[in-house]
């Protein structure tokens, strides 16, 4: 899933760019040329993708991965969230305590760089 910020000065251009870069043809050529998994499962039907044994056989990995945001604060967010989830699994936090931990940690570490509602 992609999003366009409500603060974007050119939302129509942003949507058009997203549509272009998620098109099967160009995205498949890019995936094959750079040897990384495609972002769309339908890409496997393109001859370029089928012709790459490595990529076509590794496609199942898309079921076990997610896209990581291109944001310098992602590591902080990911670490705090992981710590909260690990504490729940270990029986150290209730779900509500984990939520409170995440909210407090993100506000402390990211301040005005994050909005929590």
PDB file of N, CA and C in Angstrom:
ATOM      1  N   UNK A   1       0.837  -1.179   0.000  1.00  0.00           N
ATOM      2  CA  UNK A   1       0.000   0.000   0.000  1.00  0.00           C
ATOM      3  C   UNK A   1       0.879   1.240   0.000  1.00  0.00           C
ATOM      4  N   UNK A   2       0.442   2.235  -0.696  1.00  0.00           N
ATOM      5  CA  UNK A   2       1.151   3.503  -0.773  1.00  0.00           C
ATOM      6  C   UNK A   2       0.229   4.596  -0.272  1.00  0.00           C
ATOM      7  N   UNK A   3       0.800   5.695   0.149  1.00  0.00           N
ATOM      8  CA  UNK A   3      -0.016   6.816   0.573  1.00  0.00           C
ATOM      9  C   UNK A   3       0.614   8.100   0.087  1.00  0.00           C
ATOM     10  N   UNK A   4      -0.224   9.124   0.000  1.00  0.00           N
ATOM     11  CA  UNK A   4       0.227  10.460  -0.357  1.00  0.00           C
ATOM     12  C   UNK A   4      -0.136  11.353   0.814  1.00  0.00           C
ATOM     13  N   UNK A   5       0.836  12.049   1.334  1.00  0.00           N
ATOM     14  CA  UNK A   5       0.618  12.918   2.486  1.00  0.00           C
ATOM     15  C   UNK A   5      -0.391  14.010   2.157  1.00  0.00           C
ATOM     16  N   UNK A   6      -1.218  14.336   3.125  1.00  0.00           N
ATOM     17  CA  UNK A   6      -2.181  15.427   2.938  1.00  0.00           C
ATOM     18  C   UNK A   6      -1.453  16.763   2.821  1.00  0.00           C
ATOM     19  N   UNK A   7      -0.189  16.794   3.182  1.00  0.00           N
ATOM     20  CA  UNK A   7       0.605  18.018   3.087  1.00  0.00           C
ATOM     21  C   UNK A   7       1.311  18.142   1.736  1.00  0.00           C
ATOM     22  N   UNK A   8       1.115  17.170   0.864  1.00  0.00           N
ATOM     23  CA  UNK A   8       1.761  17.195  -0.444  1.00  0.00           C
ATOM     24  C   UNK A   8       1.294  18.401  -1.249  1.00  0.00           C
ATOM     25  N   UNK A   9       2.247  19.071  -1.883  1.00  0.00           N
ATOM     26  CA  UNK A   9       1.895  20.218  -2.731  1.00  0.00           C
ATOM     27  C   UNK A   9       1.384  19.764  -4.095  1.00  0.00           C
ATOM     28  N   UNK A  10       1.683  18.524  -4.464  1.00  0.00           N
ATOM     29  CA  UNK A  10       1.300  18.009  -5.778  1.00  0.00           C
ATOM     30  C   UNK A  10       0.749  16.590  -5.650  1.00  0.00           C
ATOM     31  N   UNK A  11      -0.410  16.407  -5.006  1.00  0.00           N
ATOM     32  CA  UNK A  11      -0.924  15.048  -4.802  1.00  0.00           C
ATOM     33  C   UNK A  11      -1.224  14.316  -6.103  1.00  0.00           C
ATOM     34  N   UNK A  12      -1.696  15.022  -7.120  1.00  0.00           N
ATOM     35  CA  UNK A  12      -1.994  14.358  -8.392  1.00  0.00           C
ATOM     36  C   UNK A  12      -0.720  13.801  -9.027  1.00  0.00           C
ATOM     37  N   UNK A  13       0.357  14.559  -8.934  1.00  0.00           N
ATOM     38  CA  UNK A  13       1.634  14.102  -9.469  1.00  0.00           C
ATOM     39  C   UNK A  13       2.145  12.899  -8.677  1.00  0.00           C
ATOM     40  N   UNK A  14       1.980  12.930  -7.367  1.00  0.00           N
ATOM     41  CA  UNK A  14       2.413  11.809  -6.523  1.00  0.00           C
ATOM     42  C   UNK A  14       1.647  10.538  -6.868  1.00  0.00           C
ATOM     43  N   UNK A  15       0.341  10.649  -7.050  1.00  0.00           N
ATOM     44  CA  UNK A  15      -0.475   9.485  -7.407  1.00  0.00           C
ATOM     45  C   UNK A  15      -0.066   8.954  -8.781  1.00  0.00           C
ATOM     46  N   UNK A  16       0.190   9.857  -9.720  1.00  0.00           N
ATOM     47  CA  UNK A  16       0.617   9.433 -11.057  1.00  0.00           C
ATOM     48  C   UNK A  16       1.960   8.708 -10.995  1.00  0.00           C
ATOM     49  N   UNK A  17       2.870   9.190 -10.160  1.00  0.00           N
ATOM     50  CA  UNK A  17       4.172   8.543 -10.014  1.00  0.00           C
ATOM     51  C   UNK A  17       4.024   7.150  -9.411  1.00  0.00           C
ATOM     52  N   UNK A  18       3.193   7.020  -8.392  1.00  0.00           N
ATOM     53  CA  UNK A  18       2.953   5.706  -7.785  1.00  0.00           C
ATOM     54  C   UNK A  18       2.384   4.742  -8.822  1.00  0.00           C
ATOM     55  N   UNK A  19       1.432   5.225  -9.624  1.00  0.00           N
ATOM     56  CA  UNK A  19       0.839   4.373 -10.661  1.00  0.00           C
ATOM     57  C   UNK A  19       1.901   3.919 -11.660  1.00  0.00           C
ATOM     58  N   UNK A  20       2.806   4.810 -11.999  1.00  0.00           N
ATOM     59  CA  UNK A  20       3.837   4.471 -12.981  1.00  0.00           C
ATOM     60  C   UNK A  20       4.848   3.461 -12.428  1.00  0.00           C
ATOM     61  N   UNK A  21       5.302   3.666 -11.204  1.00  0.00           N
ATOM     62  CA  UNK A  21       6.337   2.779 -10.672  1.00  0.00           C
ATOM     63  C   UNK A  21       5.787   1.436 -10.215  1.00  0.00           C
ATOM     64  N   UNK A  22       4.483   1.308 -10.086  1.00  0.00           N
ATOM     65  CA  UNK A  22       3.907   0.013  -9.726  1.00  0.00           C
ATOM     66  C   UNK A  22       3.333  -0.703 -10.942  1.00  0.00           C
ATOM     67  N   UNK A  23       3.606  -0.207 -12.123  1.00  0.00           N
ATOM     68  CA  UNK A  23       3.200  -0.865 -13.355  1.00  0.00           C
ATOM     69  C   UNK A  23       4.044  -2.129 -13.523  1.00  0.00           C
ATOM     70  N   UNK A  24       3.404  -3.220 -13.900  1.00  0.00           N
ATOM     71  CA  UNK A  24       4.096  -4.508 -13.995  1.00  0.00           C
ATOM     72  C   UNK A  24       5.341  -4.484 -14.881  1.00  0.00           C
ATOM     73  N   UNK A  25       5.233  -3.922 -16.071  1.00  0.00           N
ATOM     74  CA  UNK A  25       6.351  -3.960 -17.019  1.00  0.00           C
ATOM     75  C   UNK A  25       7.612  -3.292 -16.497  1.00  0.00           C
ATOM     76  N   UNK A  26       7.563  -1.978 -16.238  1.00  0.00           N
ATOM     77  CA  UNK A  26       8.769  -1.298 -15.750  1.00  0.00           C
ATOM     78  C   UNK A  26       9.271  -1.862 -14.424  1.00  0.00           C
ATOM     79  N   UNK A  27       8.364  -2.219 -13.531  1.00  0.00           N
ATOM     80  CA  UNK A  27       8.790  -2.734 -12.237  1.00  0.00           C
ATOM     81  C   UNK A  27       9.476  -4.082 -12.388  1.00  0.00           C
ATOM     82  N   UNK A  28       8.986  -4.900 -13.305  1.00  0.00           N
ATOM     83  CA  UNK A  28       9.599  -6.207 -13.539  1.00  0.00           C
ATOM     84  C   UNK A  28      10.988  -6.048 -14.137  1.00  0.00           C
ATOM     85  N   UNK A  29      11.129  -5.170 -15.115  1.00  0.00           N
ATOM     86  CA  UNK A  29      12.458  -4.945 -15.702  1.00  0.00           C
ATOM     87  C   UNK A  29      13.439  -4.454 -14.636  1.00  0.00           C
ATOM     88  N   UNK A  30      12.966  -3.569 -13.761  1.00  0.00           N
ATOM     89  CA  UNK A  30      13.824  -3.068 -12.681  1.00  0.00           C
ATOM     90  C   UNK A  30      14.198  -4.205 -11.721  1.00  0.00           C
ATOM     91  N   UNK A  31      13.237  -5.037 -11.350  1.00  0.00           N
ATOM     92  CA  UNK A  31      13.505  -6.145 -10.423  1.00  0.00           C
ATOM     93  C   UNK A  31      14.538  -7.103 -11.012  1.00  0.00           C
ATOM     94  N   UNK A  32      14.390  -7.425 -12.281  1.00  0.00           N
ATOM     95  CA  UNK A  32      15.323  -8.356 -12.924  1.00  0.00           C
ATOM     96  C   UNK A  32      16.712  -7.724 -13.047  1.00  0.00           C
ATOM     97  N   UNK A  33      16.766  -6.461 -13.462  1.00  0.00           N
ATOM     98  CA  UNK A  33      18.060  -5.795 -13.647  1.00  0.00           C
ATOM     99  C   UNK A  33      18.807  -5.610 -12.332  1.00  0.00           C
ATOM    100  N   UNK A  34      18.076  -5.444 -11.242  1.00  0.00           N
ATOM    101  CA  UNK A  34      18.727  -5.200  -9.947  1.00  0.00           C
ATOM    102  C   UNK A  34      18.723  -6.439  -9.048  1.00  0.00           C
ATOM    103  N   UNK A  35      18.195  -7.538  -9.561  1.00  0.00           N
ATOM    104  CA  UNK A  35      18.129  -8.814  -8.847  1.00  0.00           C
ATOM    105  C   UNK A  35      17.508  -8.676  -7.459  1.00  0.00           C
ATOM    106  N   UNK A  36      16.299  -8.138  -7.430  1.00  0.00           N
ATOM    107  CA  UNK A  36      15.544  -8.141  -6.177  1.00  0.00           C
ATOM    108  C   UNK A  36      14.114  -8.558  -6.471  1.00  0.00           C
ATOM    109  N   UNK A  37      13.428  -9.024  -5.446  1.00  0.00           N
ATOM    110  CA  UNK A  37      12.055  -9.481  -5.632  1.00  0.00           C
ATOM    111  C   UNK A  37      11.175  -8.355  -6.132  1.00  0.00           C
ATOM    112  N   UNK A  38      10.257  -8.705  -6.997  1.00  0.00           N
ATOM    113  CA  UNK A  38       9.282  -7.734  -7.451  1.00  0.00           C
ATOM    114  C   UNK A  38       8.320  -7.393  -6.325  1.00  0.00           C
ATOM    115  N   UNK A  39       7.554  -6.336  -6.513  1.00  0.00           N
ATOM    116  CA  UNK A  39       6.605  -5.936  -5.480  1.00  0.00           C
ATOM    117  C   UNK A  39       5.198  -6.434  -5.770  1.00  0.00           C
ATOM    118  N   UNK A  40       5.000  -6.986  -6.957  1.00  0.00           N
ATOM    119  CA  UNK A  40       3.675  -7.423  -7.379  1.00  0.00           C
ATOM    120  C   UNK A  40       3.731  -8.887  -7.802  1.00  0.00           C
ATOM    121  N   UNK A  41       2.879  -9.723  -7.216  1.00  0.00           N
ATOM    122  CA  UNK A  41       2.921 -11.150  -7.552  1.00  0.00           C
ATOM    123  C   UNK A  41       2.631 -11.404  -9.023  1.00  0.00           C
ATOM    124  N   UNK A  42       1.857 -10.539  -9.653  1.00  0.00           N
ATOM    125  CA  UNK A  42       1.556 -10.687 -11.068  1.00  0.00           C
ATOM    126  C   UNK A  42       2.773 -10.557 -11.961  1.00  0.00           C
ATOM    127  N   UNK A  43       3.860 -10.043 -11.412  1.00  0.00           N
ATOM    128  CA  UNK A  43       5.077  -9.893 -12.199  1.00  0.00           C
ATOM    129  C   UNK A  43       5.621 -11.236 -12.664  1.00  0.00           C
ATOM    130  N   UNK A  44       5.276 -12.304 -11.984  1.00  0.00           N
ATOM    131  CA  UNK A  44       5.808 -13.619 -12.341  1.00  0.00           C
ATOM    132  C   UNK A  44       5.366 -14.060 -13.721  1.00  0.00           C
ATOM    133  N   UNK A  45       4.333 -13.450 -14.243  1.00  0.00           N
ATOM    134  CA  UNK A  45       3.835 -13.829 -15.561  1.00  0.00           C
ATOM    135  C   UNK A  45       4.628 -13.190 -16.696  1.00  0.00           C
ATOM    136  N   UNK A  46       5.463 -12.231 -16.390  1.00  0.00           N
ATOM    137  CA  UNK A  46       6.260 -11.580 -17.425  1.00  0.00           C
ATOM    138  C   UNK A  46       7.462 -12.448 -17.780  1.00  0.00           C
ATOM    139  N   UNK A  47       7.784 -12.503 -19.072  1.00  0.00           N
ATOM    140  CA  UNK A  47       8.868 -13.375 -19.536  1.00  0.00           C
ATOM    141  C   UNK A  47      10.205 -13.027 -18.886  1.00  0.00           C
ATOM    142  N   UNK A  48      10.437 -11.745 -18.599  1.00  0.00           N
ATOM    143  CA  UNK A  48      11.702 -11.359 -17.963  1.00  0.00           C
ATOM    144  C   UNK A  48      11.839 -12.017 -16.589  1.00  0.00           C
ATOM    145  N   UNK A  49      10.738 -12.045 -15.856  1.00  0.00           N
ATOM    146  CA  UNK A  49      10.763 -12.616 -14.509  1.00  0.00           C
ATOM    147  C   UNK A  49      10.858 -14.134 -14.578  1.00  0.00           C
ATOM    148  N   UNK A  50      10.068 -14.738 -15.459  1.00  0.00           N
ATOM    149  CA  UNK A  50      10.114 -16.195 -15.616  1.00  0.00           C
ATOM    150  C   UNK A  50      11.497 -16.657 -16.046  1.00  0.00           C
ATOM    151  N   UNK A  51      12.190 -15.810 -16.811  1.00  0.00           N
ATOM    152  CA  UNK A  51      13.515 -16.153 -17.303  1.00  0.00           C
ATOM    153  C   UNK A  51      14.597 -16.084 -16.236  1.00  0.00           C
ATOM    154  N   UNK A  52      14.282 -15.472 -15.117  1.00  0.00           N
ATOM    155  CA  UNK A  52      15.249 -15.382 -14.024  1.00  0.00           C
ATOM    156  C   UNK A  52      14.932 -16.466 -13.002  1.00  0.00           C
ATOM    157  N   UNK A  53      15.706 -17.522 -13.020  1.00  0.00           N
ATOM    158  CA  UNK A  53      15.450 -18.642 -12.111  1.00  0.00           C
ATOM    159  C   UNK A  53      15.496 -18.182 -10.652  1.00  0.00           C
ATOM    160  N   UNK A  54      16.496 -17.380 -10.302  1.00  0.00           N
ATOM    161  CA  UNK A  54      16.633 -16.906  -8.928  1.00  0.00           C
ATOM    162  C   UNK A  54      15.367 -16.185  -8.465  1.00  0.00           C
ATOM    163  N   UNK A  55      14.900 -15.237  -9.256  1.00  0.00           N
ATOM    164  CA  UNK A  55      13.737 -14.452  -8.844  1.00  0.00           C
ATOM    165  C   UNK A  55      12.455 -15.267  -8.844  1.00  0.00           C
ATOM    166  N   UNK A  56      12.252 -16.064  -9.865  1.00  0.00           N
ATOM    167  CA  UNK A  56      10.998 -16.820  -9.929  1.00  0.00           C
ATOM    168  C   UNK A  56      10.905 -17.861  -8.819  1.00  0.00           C
ATOM    169  N   UNK A  57      12.043 -18.445  -8.427  1.00  0.00           N
ATOM    170  CA  UNK A  57      12.014 -19.443  -7.355  1.00  0.00           C
ATOM    171  C   UNK A  57      11.979 -18.814  -5.962  1.00  0.00           C
ATOM    172  N   UNK A  58      12.332 -17.544  -5.868  1.00  0.00           N
ATOM    173  CA  UNK A  58      12.342 -16.876  -4.556  1.00  0.00           C
ATOM    174  C   UNK A  58      11.061 -16.092  -4.294  1.00  0.00           C
ATOM    175  N   UNK A  59      10.145 -16.091  -5.246  1.00  0.00           N
ATOM    176  CA  UNK A  59       8.940 -15.277  -5.116  1.00  0.00           C
ATOM    177  C   UNK A  59       8.118 -15.614  -3.876  1.00  0.00           C
ATOM    178  N   UNK A  60       8.127 -16.868  -3.453  1.00  0.00           N
ATOM    179  CA  UNK A  60       7.352 -17.257  -2.270  1.00  0.00           C
ATOM    180  C   UNK A  60       7.754 -16.436  -1.043  1.00  0.00           C
ATOM    181  N   UNK A  61       8.954 -15.881  -1.051  1.00  0.00           N
ATOM    182  CA  UNK A  61       9.424 -15.107   0.097  1.00  0.00           C
ATOM    183  C   UNK A  61       8.594 -13.848   0.335  1.00  0.00           C
ATOM    184  N   UNK A  62       7.882 -13.388  -0.697  1.00  0.00           N
ATOM    185  CA  UNK A  62       7.027 -12.212  -0.513  1.00  0.00           C
ATOM    186  C   UNK A  62       5.946 -12.457   0.532  1.00  0.00           C
ATOM    187  N   UNK A  63       5.602 -13.715   0.773  1.00  0.00           N
ATOM    188  CA  UNK A  63       4.601 -14.032   1.797  1.00  0.00           C
ATOM    189  C   UNK A  63       5.141 -13.806   3.209  1.00  0.00           C
ATOM    190  N   UNK A  64       6.446 -13.650   3.336  1.00  0.00           N
ATOM    191  CA  UNK A  64       7.073 -13.554   4.654  1.00  0.00           C
ATOM    192  C   UNK A  64       7.830 -12.250   4.876  1.00  0.00           C
ATOM    193  N   UNK A  65       7.578 -11.267   4.062  1.00  0.00           N
ATOM    194  CA  UNK A  65       8.317 -10.019   4.177  1.00  0.00           C
ATOM    195  C   UNK A  65       7.376  -8.829   4.082  1.00  0.00           C
ATOM    196  N   UNK A  66       7.872  -7.684   4.456  1.00  0.00           N
ATOM    197  CA  UNK A  66       7.114  -6.442   4.328  1.00  0.00           C
ATOM    198  C   UNK A  66       8.047  -5.363   3.811  1.00  0.00           C
ATOM    199  N   UNK A  67       7.460  -4.315   3.346  1.00  0.00           N
ATOM    200  CA  UNK A  67       8.210  -3.164   2.877  1.00  0.00           C
ATOM    201  C   UNK A  67       8.626  -2.326   4.078  1.00  0.00           C
ATOM    202  N   UNK A  68       9.883  -1.955   4.157  1.00  0.00           N
ATOM    203  CA  UNK A  68      10.342  -1.092   5.243  1.00  0.00           C
ATOM    204  C   UNK A  68      10.292   0.359   4.785  1.00  0.00           C
ATOM    205  N   UNK A  69       9.690   1.205   5.570  1.00  0.00           N
ATOM    206  CA  UNK A  69       9.591   2.620   5.185  1.00  0.00           C
ATOM    207  C   UNK A  69      10.962   3.269   5.018  1.00  0.00           C
ATOM    208  N   UNK A  70      11.049   4.158   4.063  1.00  0.00           N
ATOM    209  CA  UNK A  70      12.275   4.912   3.823  1.00  0.00           C
ATOM    210  C   UNK A  70      12.223   6.165   4.695  1.00  0.00           C
ATOM    211  N   UNK A  71      12.463   5.981   5.982  1.00  0.00           N
ATOM    212  CA  UNK A  71      12.369   7.073   6.938  1.00  0.00           C
ATOM    213  C   UNK A  71      13.517   6.926   7.932  1.00  0.00           C
ATOM    214  N   UNK A  72      14.237   8.001   8.208  1.00  0.00           N
ATOM    215  CA  UNK A  72      15.378   7.890   9.120  1.00  0.00           C
ATOM    216  C   UNK A  72      14.993   7.494  10.544  1.00  0.00           C
ATOM    217  N   UNK A  73      13.729   7.609  10.893  1.00  0.00           N
ATOM    218  CA  UNK A  73      13.274   7.264  12.239  1.00  0.00           C
ATOM    219  C   UNK A  73      12.681   5.859  12.330  1.00  0.00           C
ATOM    220  N   UNK A  74      12.743   5.108  11.237  1.00  0.00           N
ATOM    221  CA  UNK A  74      12.153   3.778  11.241  1.00  0.00           C
ATOM    222  C   UNK A  74      12.789   2.878  12.299  1.00  0.00           C
ATOM    223  N   UNK A  75      14.084   2.941  12.467  1.00  0.00           N
ATOM    224  CA  UNK A  75      14.765   2.091  13.437  1.00  0.00           C
ATOM    225  C   UNK A  75      14.255   2.307  14.853  1.00  0.00           C
ATOM    226  N   UNK A  76      14.045   3.549  15.218  1.00  0.00           N
ATOM    227  CA  UNK A  76      13.516   3.876  16.546  1.00  0.00           C
ATOM    228  C   UNK A  76      12.125   3.291  16.717  1.00  0.00           C
ATOM    229  N   UNK A  77      11.270   3.514  15.727  1.00  0.00           N
ATOM    230  CA  UNK A  77       9.897   3.000  15.777  1.00  0.00           C
ATOM    231  C   UNK A  77       9.906   1.472  15.874  1.00  0.00           C
ATOM    232  N   UNK A  78      10.701   0.844  15.038  1.00  0.00           N
ATOM    233  CA  UNK A  78      10.756  -0.614  14.991  1.00  0.00           C
ATOM    234  C   UNK A  78      11.262  -1.196  16.308  1.00  0.00           C
ATOM    235  N   UNK A  79      12.298  -0.596  16.867  1.00  0.00           N
ATOM    236  CA  UNK A  79      12.868  -1.096  18.124  1.00  0.00           C
ATOM    237  C   UNK A  79      11.868  -0.998  19.270  1.00  0.00           C
ATOM    238  N   UNK A  80      11.235   0.151  19.409  1.00  0.00           N
ATOM    239  CA  UNK A  80      10.275   0.342  20.506  1.00  0.00           C
ATOM    240  C   UNK A  80       9.090  -0.605  20.352  1.00  0.00           C
ATOM    241  N   UNK A  81       8.594  -0.755  19.142  1.00  0.00           N
ATOM    242  CA  UNK A  81       7.462  -1.654  18.903  1.00  0.00           C
ATOM    243  C   UNK A  81       7.852  -3.102  19.198  1.00  0.00           C
ATOM    244  N   UNK A  82       9.034  -3.506  18.748  1.00  0.00           N
ATOM    245  CA  UNK A  82       9.507  -4.870  19.006  1.00  0.00           C
ATOM    246  C   UNK A  82       9.638  -5.124  20.504  1.00  0.00           C
ATOM    247  N   UNK A  83      10.220  -4.178  21.219  1.00  0.00           N
ATOM    248  CA  UNK A  83      10.387  -4.349  22.669  1.00  0.00           C
ATOM    249  C   UNK A  83       9.040  -4.535  23.361  1.00  0.00           C
ATOM    250  N   UNK A  84       8.038  -3.792  22.926  1.00  0.00           N
ATOM    251  CA  UNK A  84       6.705  -3.921  23.522  1.00  0.00           C
ATOM    252  C   UNK A  84       6.103  -5.291  23.218  1.00  0.00           C
ATOM    253  N   UNK A  85       6.212  -5.742  21.973  1.00  0.00           N
ATOM    254  CA  UNK A  85       5.665  -7.051  21.605  1.00  0.00           C
ATOM    255  C   UNK A  85       6.395  -8.178  22.335  1.00  0.00           C
ATOM    256  N   UNK A  86       7.710  -8.064  22.439  1.00  0.00           N
ATOM    257  CA  UNK A  86       8.485  -9.085  23.149  1.00  0.00           C
ATOM    258  C   UNK A  86       8.085  -9.142  24.621  1.00  0.00           C
ATOM    259  N   UNK A  87       7.794  -7.990  25.206  1.00  0.00           N
ATOM    260  CA  UNK A  87       7.381  -7.952  26.612  1.00  0.00           C
ATOM    261  C   UNK A  87       6.019  -8.611  26.800  1.00  0.00           C
ATOM    262  N   UNK A  88       5.131  -8.475  25.828  1.00  0.00           N
ATOM    263  CA  UNK A  88       3.831  -9.157  25.904  1.00  0.00           C
ATOM    264  C   UNK A  88       4.041 -10.668  25.857  1.00  0.00           C
ATOM    265  N   UNK A  89       4.839 -11.123  24.883  1.00  0.00           N
ATOM    266  CA  UNK A  89       5.091 -12.558  24.728  1.00  0.00           C
ATOM    267  C   UNK A  89       5.730 -13.142  25.990  1.00  0.00           C
ATOM    268  N   UNK A  90       6.611 -12.378  26.625  1.00  0.00           N
ATOM    269  CA  UNK A  90       7.294 -12.849  27.832  1.00  0.00           C
ATOM    270  C   UNK A  90       6.423 -12.732  29.083  1.00  0.00           C
ATOM    271  N   UNK A  91       5.229 -12.159  28.926  1.00  0.00           N
ATOM    272  CA  UNK A  91       4.338 -11.999  30.069  1.00  0.00           C
ATOM    273  C   UNK A  91       4.704 -10.833  30.974  1.00  0.00           C
ATOM    274  N   UNK A  92       5.568  -9.947  30.481  1.00  0.00           N
ATOM    275  CA  UNK A  92       6.007  -8.800  31.280  1.00  0.00           C
ATOM    276  C   UNK A  92       5.065  -7.601  31.155  1.00  0.00           C
ATOM    277  N   UNK A  93       4.334  -7.516  30.037  1.00  0.00           N
ATOM    278  CA  UNK A  93       3.386  -6.422  29.794  1.00  0.00           C
ATOM    279  C   UNK A  93       2.032  -6.999  29.451  1.00  0.00           C
ATOM    280  N   UNK A  94       0.994  -6.312  29.856  1.00  0.00           N
ATOM    281  CA  UNK A  94      -0.335  -6.574  29.313  1.00  0.00           C
ATOM    282  C   UNK A  94      -0.386  -5.825  27.984  1.00  0.00           C
ATOM    283  N   UNK A  95      -1.370  -6.107  27.139  1.00  0.00           N
ATOM    284  CA  UNK A  95      -1.472  -5.338  25.896  1.00  0.00           C
ATOM    285  C   UNK A  95      -1.555  -3.827  26.147  1.00  0.00           C
ATOM    286  N   UNK A  96      -2.315  -3.416  27.141  1.00  0.00           N
ATOM    287  CA  UNK A  96      -2.428  -1.980  27.419  1.00  0.00           C
ATOM    288  C   UNK A  96      -1.096  -1.393  27.889  1.00  0.00           C
ATOM    289  N   UNK A  97      -0.369  -2.134  28.697  1.00  0.00           N
ATOM    290  CA  UNK A  97       0.949  -1.654  29.135  1.00  0.00           C
ATOM    291  C   UNK A  97       1.895  -1.517  27.939  1.00  0.00           C
ATOM    292  N   UNK A  98       1.778  -2.428  26.989  1.00  0.00           N
ATOM    293  CA  UNK A  98       2.615  -2.354  25.793  1.00  0.00           C
ATOM    294  C   UNK A  98       2.270  -1.119  24.971  1.00  0.00           C
ATOM    295  N   UNK A  99       0.980  -0.848  24.827  1.00  0.00           N
ATOM    296  CA  UNK A  99       0.560   0.353  24.093  1.00  0.00           C
ATOM    297  C   UNK A  99       1.119   1.594  24.783  1.00  0.00           C
ATOM    298  N   UNK A 100       0.975   1.659  26.091  1.00  0.00           N
ATOM    299  CA  UNK A 100       1.489   2.809  26.842  1.00  0.00           C
ATOM    300  C   UNK A 100       3.005   2.944  26.673  1.00  0.00           C
ATOM    301  N   UNK A 101       3.706   1.812  26.691  1.00  0.00           N
ATOM    302  CA  UNK A 101       5.158   1.801  26.511  1.00  0.00           C
ATOM    303  C   UNK A 101       5.538   2.376  25.146  1.00  0.00           C
ATOM    304  N   UNK A 102       4.817   1.940  24.116  1.00  0.00           N
ATOM    305  CA  UNK A 102       5.104   2.414  22.756  1.00  0.00           C
ATOM    306  C   UNK A 102       4.826   3.906  22.643  1.00  0.00           C
ATOM    307  N   UNK A 103       3.675   4.336  23.120  1.00  0.00           N
ATOM    308  CA  UNK A 103       3.315   5.756  23.031  1.00  0.00           C
ATOM    309  C   UNK A 103       4.344   6.615  23.769  1.00  0.00           C
ATOM    310  N   UNK A 104       4.677   6.227  24.983  1.00  0.00           N
ATOM    311  CA  UNK A 104       5.653   6.996  25.767  1.00  0.00           C
ATOM    312  C   UNK A 104       7.027   7.000  25.097  1.00  0.00           C
ATOM    313  N   UNK A 105       7.451   5.839  24.618  1.00  0.00           N
ATOM    314  CA  UNK A 105       8.763   5.738  23.984  1.00  0.00           C
ATOM    315  C   UNK A 105       8.862   6.539  22.702  1.00  0.00           C
ATOM    316  N   UNK A 106       7.836   6.453  21.867  1.00  0.00           N
ATOM    317  CA  UNK A 106       7.865   7.195  20.604  1.00  0.00           C
ATOM    318  C   UNK A 106       7.799   8.692  20.847  1.00  0.00           C
ATOM    319  N   UNK A 107       6.960   9.114  21.775  1.00  0.00           N
ATOM    320  CA  UNK A 107       6.896  10.545  22.093  1.00  0.00           C
ATOM    321  C   UNK A 107       8.225  11.040  22.655  1.00  0.00           C
ATOM    322  N   UNK A 108       8.853  10.246  23.503  1.00  0.00           N
ATOM    323  CA  UNK A 108      10.136  10.627  24.099  1.00  0.00           C
ATOM    324  C   UNK A 108      11.233  10.702  23.029  1.00  0.00           C
ATOM    325  N   UNK A 109      11.299   9.691  22.170  1.00  0.00           N
ATOM    326  CA  UNK A 109      12.386   9.604  21.190  1.00  0.00           C
ATOM    327  C   UNK A 109      12.167  10.454  19.942  1.00  0.00           C
ATOM    328  N   UNK A 110      10.917  10.564  19.504  1.00  0.00           N
ATOM    329  CA  UNK A 110      10.651  11.244  18.234  1.00  0.00           C
ATOM    330  C   UNK A 110      10.001  12.612  18.391  1.00  0.00           C
ATOM    331  N   UNK A 111       9.431  12.875  19.547  1.00  0.00           N
ATOM    332  CA  UNK A 111       8.853  14.198  19.798  1.00  0.00           C
ATOM    333  C   UNK A 111       7.863  14.627  18.739  1.00  0.00           C
ATOM    334  N   UNK A 112       8.112  15.776  18.127  1.00  0.00           N
ATOM    335  CA  UNK A 112       7.175  16.310  17.135  1.00  0.00           C
ATOM    336  C   UNK A 112       7.322  15.656  15.757  1.00  0.00           C
ATOM    337  N   UNK A 113       8.165  14.636  15.645  1.00  0.00           N
ATOM    338  CA  UNK A 113       8.332  13.930  14.371  1.00  0.00           C
ATOM    339  C   UNK A 113       7.291  12.829  14.196  1.00  0.00           C
ATOM    340  N   UNK A 114       6.439  12.656  15.208  1.00  0.00           N
ATOM    341  CA  UNK A 114       5.417  11.615  15.126  1.00  0.00           C
ATOM    342  C   UNK A 114       4.108  12.152  15.686  1.00  0.00           C
ATOM    343  N   UNK A 115       3.019  11.705  15.094  1.00  0.00           N
ATOM    344  CA  UNK A 115       1.681  12.066  15.571  1.00  0.00           C
ATOM    345  C   UNK A 115       0.997  10.779  15.984  1.00  0.00           C
ATOM    346  N   UNK A 116       0.572  10.715  17.222  1.00  0.00           N
ATOM    347  CA  UNK A 116      -0.124   9.536  17.732  1.00  0.00           C
ATOM    348  C   UNK A 116      -1.525   9.958  18.113  1.00  0.00           C
ATOM    349  N   UNK A 117      -2.516   9.285  17.538  1.00  0.00           N
ATOM    350  CA  UNK A 117      -3.924   9.622  17.821  1.00  0.00           C
ATOM    351  C   UNK A 117      -4.589   8.470  18.517  1.00  0.00           C
TER     352      UNK A 117
END
